[in-house]
Amino acid sequence: MGKKRKLDEDEEEQPKGRKEDKKTRVANFSEMSLDRLLEREVELAEEVRQKQKELSDARRVKPLLYGNNEARQMKTRQLRAEYAHAEVQREIQRRFKAKEESGEP
């Protein structure tokens, strides 16, 4: 086995900054404020509509055939948007239910 390489502080910080390059957002909805959750719910609802429109347009232009990777990828993106939207809605409902049970107006 080779020598262990000592990392400088600059090199240690590089992977941390790399996480910000992701295309997806961190979906830790339980830590978001209620206002931010409501905004995110609207954003995701619009994203779901957009993905459905893109998929239907793609299917109209190019018929769905076995092995159509583009259509499969678009469907996967649509499902991810739907799952995130549903998760935000569940979190909002959970918070409203918790408020009702605690007796807050």
N, C-alpha and C. Protein backbone atom coordinates (compact mmCIF):
# COMPACT_ATOMS: atom_id res chain seq x y z
N MET A 1 0.83 -1.18 0.00
CA MET A 1 0.00 0.00 0.00
C MET A 1 0.87 1.24 0.00
N GLY A 2 0.37 2.31 -0.52
CA GLY A 2 1.14 3.54 -0.65
C GLY A 2 1.10 4.39 0.60
N LYS A 3 1.82 5.49 0.54
CA LYS A 3 1.87 6.43 1.65
C LYS A 3 0.53 7.15 1.75
N LYS A 4 0.17 7.46 2.98
CA LYS A 4 -1.02 8.28 3.16
C LYS A 4 -0.64 9.72 2.89
N ARG A 5 -1.44 10.37 2.13
CA ARG A 5 -1.15 11.74 1.75
C ARG A 5 -1.78 12.69 2.76
N LYS A 6 -1.02 13.64 3.24
CA LYS A 6 -1.57 14.63 4.16
C LYS A 6 -2.28 15.69 3.34
N LEU A 7 -3.48 16.01 3.77
CA LEU A 7 -4.27 17.01 3.04
C LEU A 7 -4.06 18.39 3.63
N ASP A 8 -3.92 19.36 2.80
CA ASP A 8 -3.87 20.74 3.26
C ASP A 8 -5.30 21.19 3.56
N GLU A 9 -5.42 22.29 4.26
CA GLU A 9 -6.75 22.80 4.58
C GLU A 9 -7.52 23.17 3.32
N ASP A 10 -6.83 23.66 2.31
CA ASP A 10 -7.50 24.04 1.06
C ASP A 10 -8.13 22.83 0.39
N GLU A 11 -7.43 21.70 0.43
CA GLU A 11 -7.93 20.50 -0.22
C GLU A 11 -9.10 19.90 0.55
N GLU A 12 -9.12 20.09 1.88
CA GLU A 12 -10.21 19.55 2.68
C GLU A 12 -11.50 20.31 2.41
N GLU A 13 -11.41 21.58 2.14
CA GLU A 13 -12.60 22.38 1.92
C GLU A 13 -13.19 22.20 0.53
N GLN A 14 -12.42 21.70 -0.39
CA GLN A 14 -12.89 21.54 -1.77
C GLN A 14 -14.11 20.62 -1.87
N PRO A 15 -14.15 19.44 -1.23
CA PRO A 15 -15.34 18.61 -1.34
C PRO A 15 -16.58 19.27 -0.76
N LYS A 16 -16.43 20.10 0.25
CA LYS A 16 -17.58 20.77 0.85
C LYS A 16 -18.24 21.71 -0.16
N GLY A 17 -17.46 22.45 -0.91
CA GLY A 17 -17.99 23.36 -1.91
C GLY A 17 -18.59 22.63 -3.08
N ARG A 18 -18.14 21.43 -3.32
CA ARG A 18 -18.62 20.64 -4.45
C ARG A 18 -20.09 20.26 -4.28
N LYS A 19 -20.56 20.11 -3.06
CA LYS A 19 -21.95 19.74 -2.83
C LYS A 19 -22.91 20.80 -3.34
N GLU A 20 -22.47 22.05 -3.41
CA GLU A 20 -23.33 23.12 -3.87
C GLU A 20 -23.55 23.08 -5.37
N ASP A 21 -22.79 22.28 -6.09
CA ASP A 21 -22.92 22.19 -7.53
C ASP A 21 -24.05 21.27 -7.97
N LYS A 22 -24.72 20.63 -7.02
CA LYS A 22 -25.78 19.69 -7.37
C LYS A 22 -26.94 20.39 -8.05
N LYS A 23 -27.63 19.64 -8.88
CA LYS A 23 -28.80 20.19 -9.56
C LYS A 23 -30.03 20.13 -8.67
N THR A 24 -30.07 19.21 -7.73
CA THR A 24 -31.23 19.06 -6.87
C THR A 24 -31.03 19.81 -5.57
N ARG A 25 -32.12 20.16 -4.95
CA ARG A 25 -32.08 20.83 -3.67
C ARG A 25 -32.18 19.79 -2.56
N VAL A 26 -31.66 20.15 -1.40
CA VAL A 26 -31.79 19.26 -0.25
C VAL A 26 -33.25 19.27 0.15
N ALA A 27 -33.82 18.11 0.32
CA ALA A 27 -35.25 18.01 0.58
C ALA A 27 -35.53 17.67 2.04
N ASN A 28 -34.96 18.44 2.96
CA ASN A 28 -35.22 18.22 4.37
C ASN A 28 -36.35 19.16 4.77
N PHE A 29 -37.58 18.77 4.47
CA PHE A 29 -38.73 19.64 4.64
C PHE A 29 -39.09 19.86 6.10
N SER A 30 -38.72 18.95 6.98
CA SER A 30 -39.08 19.10 8.39
C SER A 30 -38.34 20.26 9.04
N GLU A 31 -37.24 20.71 8.45
CA GLU A 31 -36.47 21.82 9.01
C GLU A 31 -36.84 23.17 8.40
N MET A 32 -37.70 23.18 7.39
CA MET A 32 -38.10 24.44 6.75
C MET A 32 -39.19 25.12 7.56
N SER A 33 -39.25 26.44 7.44
CA SER A 33 -40.33 27.18 8.09
C SER A 33 -41.63 26.93 7.31
N LEU A 34 -42.75 27.23 7.96
CA LEU A 34 -44.04 27.00 7.32
C LEU A 34 -44.20 27.89 6.09
N ASP A 35 -43.76 29.14 6.18
CA ASP A 35 -43.85 30.04 5.02
C ASP A 35 -43.04 29.50 3.85
N ARG A 36 -41.83 29.04 4.14
CA ARG A 36 -40.96 28.49 3.08
C ARG A 36 -41.59 27.21 2.50
N LEU A 37 -42.23 26.41 3.36
CA LEU A 37 -42.89 25.19 2.87
C LEU A 37 -44.02 25.53 1.90
N LEU A 38 -44.79 26.55 2.25
CA LEU A 38 -45.90 26.95 1.38
C LEU A 38 -45.37 27.46 0.04
N GLU A 39 -44.27 28.23 0.07
CA GLU A 39 -43.66 28.69 -1.17
C GLU A 39 -43.15 27.51 -2.00
N ARG A 40 -42.51 26.58 -1.33
CA ARG A 40 -41.94 25.41 -2.02
C ARG A 40 -43.05 24.56 -2.63
N GLU A 41 -44.19 24.49 -1.95
CA GLU A 41 -45.32 23.70 -2.47
C GLU A 41 -45.81 24.29 -3.78
N VAL A 42 -45.88 25.62 -3.86
CA VAL A 42 -46.30 26.29 -5.10
C VAL A 42 -45.27 26.04 -6.20
N GLU A 43 -43.98 26.15 -5.85
CA GLU A 43 -42.91 25.91 -6.83
C GLU A 43 -42.99 24.49 -7.38
N LEU A 44 -43.19 23.51 -6.49
CA LEU A 44 -43.22 22.12 -6.92
C LEU A 44 -44.47 21.81 -7.73
N ALA A 45 -45.59 22.44 -7.39
CA ALA A 45 -46.81 22.24 -8.18
C ALA A 45 -46.59 22.72 -9.62
N GLU A 46 -45.93 23.87 -9.76
CA GLU A 46 -45.62 24.38 -11.09
C GLU A 46 -44.64 23.47 -11.82
N GLU A 47 -43.66 22.96 -11.08
CA GLU A 47 -42.67 22.06 -11.69
C GLU A 47 -43.33 20.78 -12.18
N VAL A 48 -44.28 20.24 -11.41
CA VAL A 48 -44.99 19.03 -11.82
C VAL A 48 -45.76 19.29 -13.11
N ARG A 49 -46.46 20.42 -13.17
CA ARG A 49 -47.21 20.76 -14.39
C ARG A 49 -46.27 20.90 -15.59
N GLN A 50 -45.12 21.53 -15.36
CA GLN A 50 -44.16 21.71 -16.44
C GLN A 50 -43.63 20.36 -16.94
N LYS A 51 -43.29 19.46 -16.02
CA LYS A 51 -42.75 18.15 -16.41
C LYS A 51 -43.80 17.33 -17.15
N GLN A 52 -45.07 17.42 -16.72
CA GLN A 52 -46.14 16.70 -17.42
C GLN A 52 -46.31 17.24 -18.84
N LYS A 53 -46.22 18.56 -18.97
CA LYS A 53 -46.34 19.17 -20.30
C LYS A 53 -45.19 18.75 -21.21
N GLU A 54 -43.96 18.77 -20.67
CA GLU A 54 -42.80 18.36 -21.45
C GLU A 54 -42.92 16.91 -21.91
N LEU A 55 -43.37 16.05 -21.02
CA LEU A 55 -43.50 14.63 -21.35
C LEU A 55 -44.58 14.42 -22.41
N SER A 56 -45.71 15.09 -22.26
CA SER A 56 -46.77 14.91 -23.26
C SER A 56 -46.35 15.47 -24.62
N ASP A 57 -45.63 16.59 -24.62
CA ASP A 57 -45.13 17.14 -25.89
C ASP A 57 -44.14 16.18 -26.55
N ALA A 58 -43.24 15.60 -25.74
CA ALA A 58 -42.25 14.68 -26.29
C ALA A 58 -42.92 13.42 -26.85
N ARG A 59 -43.93 12.94 -26.17
CA ARG A 59 -44.64 11.75 -26.65
C ARG A 59 -45.42 12.06 -27.92
N ARG A 60 -45.91 13.27 -28.04
CA ARG A 60 -46.65 13.65 -29.24
C ARG A 60 -45.72 13.71 -30.45
N VAL A 61 -44.52 14.24 -30.24
CA VAL A 61 -43.57 14.38 -31.33
C VAL A 61 -42.97 13.04 -31.72
N LYS A 62 -42.57 12.26 -30.73
CA LYS A 62 -41.91 10.99 -30.98
C LYS A 62 -42.70 9.89 -30.27
N PRO A 63 -43.26 8.95 -31.00
CA PRO A 63 -44.08 7.93 -30.36
C PRO A 63 -43.29 7.11 -29.35
N LEU A 64 -43.98 6.69 -28.31
CA LEU A 64 -43.35 5.94 -27.24
C LEU A 64 -43.02 4.53 -27.72
N LEU A 65 -41.76 4.26 -27.80
CA LEU A 65 -41.28 2.95 -28.21
C LEU A 65 -40.44 2.34 -27.10
N TYR A 66 -40.31 1.05 -27.12
CA TYR A 66 -39.46 0.38 -26.14
C TYR A 66 -38.03 0.87 -26.33
N GLY A 67 -37.43 1.28 -25.25
CA GLY A 67 -36.05 1.75 -25.32
C GLY A 67 -35.92 3.24 -25.58
N ASN A 68 -37.01 3.97 -25.50
CA ASN A 68 -36.96 5.42 -25.68
C ASN A 68 -36.44 6.03 -24.38
N ASN A 69 -35.13 6.21 -24.32
CA ASN A 69 -34.50 6.68 -23.08
C ASN A 69 -34.93 8.10 -22.72
N GLU A 70 -35.15 8.92 -23.70
CA GLU A 70 -35.54 10.30 -23.42
C GLU A 70 -36.88 10.34 -22.68
N ALA A 71 -37.85 9.57 -23.16
CA ALA A 71 -39.16 9.53 -22.52
C ALA A 71 -39.05 8.95 -21.11
N ARG A 72 -38.23 7.95 -20.94
CA ARG A 72 -38.05 7.32 -19.63
C ARG A 72 -37.44 8.32 -18.65
N GLN A 73 -36.45 9.07 -19.10
CA GLN A 73 -35.81 10.07 -18.24
C GLN A 73 -36.79 11.17 -17.87
N MET A 74 -37.60 11.59 -18.82
CA MET A 74 -38.58 12.63 -18.54
C MET A 74 -39.62 12.14 -17.54
N LYS A 75 -40.03 10.90 -17.68
CA LYS A 75 -41.00 10.33 -16.74
C LYS A 75 -40.40 10.25 -15.34
N THR A 76 -39.13 9.90 -15.24
CA THR A 76 -38.46 9.83 -13.95
C THR A 76 -38.40 11.21 -13.30
N ARG A 77 -38.10 12.24 -14.09
CA ARG A 77 -38.07 13.61 -13.56
C ARG A 77 -39.45 14.03 -13.08
N GLN A 78 -40.48 13.64 -13.83
CA GLN A 78 -41.85 13.97 -13.44
C GLN A 78 -42.19 13.30 -12.12
N LEU A 79 -41.85 12.03 -11.99
CA LEU A 79 -42.15 11.31 -10.75
C LEU A 79 -41.41 11.91 -9.56
N ARG A 80 -40.16 12.30 -9.75
CA ARG A 80 -39.42 12.93 -8.65
C ARG A 80 -40.10 14.22 -8.21
N ALA A 81 -40.56 15.01 -9.16
CA ALA A 81 -41.25 16.25 -8.83
C ALA A 81 -42.56 15.95 -8.09
N GLU A 82 -43.29 14.93 -8.54
CA GLU A 82 -44.54 14.55 -7.87
C GLU A 82 -44.28 14.07 -6.45
N TYR A 83 -43.25 13.26 -6.25
CA TYR A 83 -42.93 12.76 -4.92
C TYR A 83 -42.56 13.91 -3.98
N ALA A 84 -41.75 14.84 -4.47
CA ALA A 84 -41.35 15.98 -3.64
C ALA A 84 -42.56 16.84 -3.29
N HIS A 85 -43.44 17.04 -4.26
CA HIS A 85 -44.65 17.83 -4.03
C HIS A 85 -45.54 17.16 -2.98
N ALA A 86 -45.71 15.87 -3.10
CA ALA A 86 -46.54 15.14 -2.13
C ALA A 86 -45.91 15.19 -0.74
N GLU A 87 -44.60 15.12 -0.66
CA GLU A 87 -43.93 15.16 0.64
C GLU A 87 -44.10 16.53 1.30
N VAL A 88 -44.02 17.60 0.52
CA VAL A 88 -44.24 18.93 1.06
C VAL A 88 -45.67 19.07 1.55
N GLN A 89 -46.63 18.56 0.78
CA GLN A 89 -48.03 18.63 1.19
C GLN A 89 -48.26 17.87 2.49
N ARG A 90 -47.64 16.70 2.63
CA ARG A 90 -47.78 15.93 3.87
C ARG A 90 -47.20 16.69 5.06
N GLU A 91 -46.06 17.33 4.87
CA GLU A 91 -45.43 18.09 5.95
C GLU A 91 -46.30 19.27 6.35
N ILE A 92 -46.89 19.97 5.38
CA ILE A 92 -47.78 21.09 5.69
C ILE A 92 -48.99 20.60 6.46
N GLN A 93 -49.60 19.50 6.02
CA GLN A 93 -50.75 18.95 6.73
C GLN A 93 -50.38 18.51 8.13
N ARG A 94 -49.19 17.92 8.28
CA ARG A 94 -48.75 17.49 9.60
C ARG A 94 -48.61 18.68 10.55
N ARG A 95 -48.07 19.77 10.03
CA ARG A 95 -47.89 20.96 10.88
C ARG A 95 -49.22 21.60 11.24
N PHE A 96 -50.16 21.68 10.30
CA PHE A 96 -51.48 22.23 10.62
C PHE A 96 -52.20 21.35 11.63
N LYS A 97 -52.06 20.05 11.49
CA LYS A 97 -52.68 19.12 12.43
C LYS A 97 -52.06 19.29 13.83
N ALA A 98 -50.75 19.46 13.89
CA ALA A 98 -50.07 19.66 15.17
C ALA A 98 -50.53 20.96 15.82
N LYS A 99 -50.75 22.01 15.01
CA LYS A 99 -51.25 23.27 15.55
C LYS A 99 -52.64 23.11 16.13
N GLU A 100 -53.50 22.37 15.40
CA GLU A 100 -54.88 22.16 15.87
C GLU A 100 -54.89 21.38 17.18
N GLU A 101 -54.04 20.38 17.28
CA GLU A 101 -53.99 19.56 18.49
C GLU A 101 -53.45 20.33 19.68
N SER A 102 -52.54 21.25 19.43
CA SER A 102 -51.96 22.04 20.53
C SER A 102 -52.89 23.18 20.94
N GLY A 103 -53.91 23.46 20.13
CA GLY A 103 -54.89 24.48 20.45
C GLY A 103 -54.50 25.87 20.05
N GLU A 104 -53.52 26.01 19.19
CA GLU A 104 -53.12 27.34 18.72
C GLU A 104 -54.11 27.83 17.67
N PRO A 105 -54.39 29.14 17.65
CA PRO A 105 -55.34 29.68 16.66
C PRO A 105 -54.73 29.80 15.29
